[in-house]
Protein backbone atom coordinates (compact mmCIF):
# COMPACT_ATOMS: atom_id res chain seq x y z
CA MET A 1 1.50 -0.55 15.34
CA THR A 2 -0.36 0.06 11.96
CA GLN A 3 1.70 2.79 9.78
CA ARG A 4 -0.83 5.17 7.91
CA ILE A 5 0.19 6.50 5.07
CA ASP A 6 -1.94 9.61 3.16
CA ALA A 7 -1.71 9.62 -0.81
CA ARG A 8 -5.00 11.10 -1.09
CA GLY A 9 -4.89 13.84 -3.84
CA MET A 10 -1.45 12.11 -5.61
CA ARG A 11 -1.69 10.98 -8.73
CA CYS A 12 0.37 7.63 -9.44
CA PRO A 13 2.79 6.57 -9.02
CA TRP A 14 3.35 8.84 -5.96
CA PRO A 15 0.97 6.25 -3.44
CA ALA A 16 2.91 3.07 -5.12
CA ILE A 17 6.20 4.74 -4.12
CA ARG A 18 4.95 6.22 -0.48
CA LEU A 19 4.12 2.56 -0.36
CA ALA A 20 7.30 0.93 -1.71
CA LYS A 21 9.40 2.84 0.81
CA ALA A 22 7.01 2.00 3.73
CA LEU A 23 7.16 -2.31 2.88
CA ARG A 24 11.44 -1.75 2.67
CA GLU A 25 11.44 0.61 5.95
CA SER A 26 8.86 -1.09 8.15
CA ALA A 27 8.11 -4.84 9.24
CA GLY A 28 4.57 -3.83 10.82
CA GLN A 29 1.27 -3.44 9.44
CA ILE A 30 0.53 -0.54 6.72
CA GLU A 31 -2.67 0.96 5.65
CA ILE A 32 -2.97 3.54 2.72
CA HIS A 33 -5.49 5.65 1.81
CA ALA A 34 -5.42 6.78 -2.06
CA ASP A 35 -7.92 8.33 -4.26
CA ASP A 36 -6.09 7.90 -7.80
CA PRO A 37 -8.14 5.60 -9.98
CA ALA A 38 -4.92 3.62 -10.82
CA ALA A 39 -3.74 3.09 -7.27
CA LYS A 40 -4.77 -0.16 -6.22
CA ARG A 41 -3.48 -1.65 -9.70
CA GLU A 42 -0.37 0.13 -9.14
CA LEU A 43 -0.24 -1.09 -5.22
CA THR A 44 -1.01 -4.46 -6.16
CA LEU A 45 2.18 -4.54 -7.80
CA VAL A 46 4.21 -3.19 -5.57
CA ALA A 47 2.66 -5.51 -3.30
CA GLU A 48 3.51 -8.36 -5.22
CA GLU A 49 7.01 -7.57 -5.43
CA ALA A 50 7.68 -7.49 -1.65
CA ASP A 51 5.39 -10.88 -1.18
CA ALA A 52 2.46 -9.14 -0.17
CA ARG A 53 -1.21 -8.57 -0.96
CA ILE A 54 -3.33 -5.41 -0.91
CA GLU A 55 -6.64 -5.54 0.39
CA THR A 56 -9.50 -3.43 0.14
CA ALA A 57 -10.46 -1.80 3.68
CA GLY A 58 -13.11 0.60 2.09
CA GLU A 59 -13.39 3.22 -0.43
CA GLY A 60 -10.01 4.09 -1.37
CA VAL A 61 -8.60 2.60 1.66
CA TYR A 62 -6.08 -0.42 1.26
CA ARG A 63 -4.41 -2.77 3.58
CA VAL A 64 -0.99 -4.55 2.88
CA VAL A 65 -1.09 -8.21 4.28
CA ARG A 66 2.49 -9.72 4.12
CA ARG A 67 2.77 -13.92 3.46
CA ALA A 68 3.33 -15.62 6.22
CA GLY A 69 7.02 -15.64 7.48
CA ASP A 70 7.09 -12.15 7.29
């Protein structure tokens, strides 16, 4: 099951904080919607800390891809 986070309208660091919380609490797929111009950079940093990466799934839509073994 994919967890969806709606962070539209939130300014950084809030989308990154919401993603960090979801990464700690869930082992499943995560999709985050964020429209702050700095979001991709911030989300990428948070994902890398959790041994994952961010893929762009559309304008303002990012998917978290966990590394193998997670």
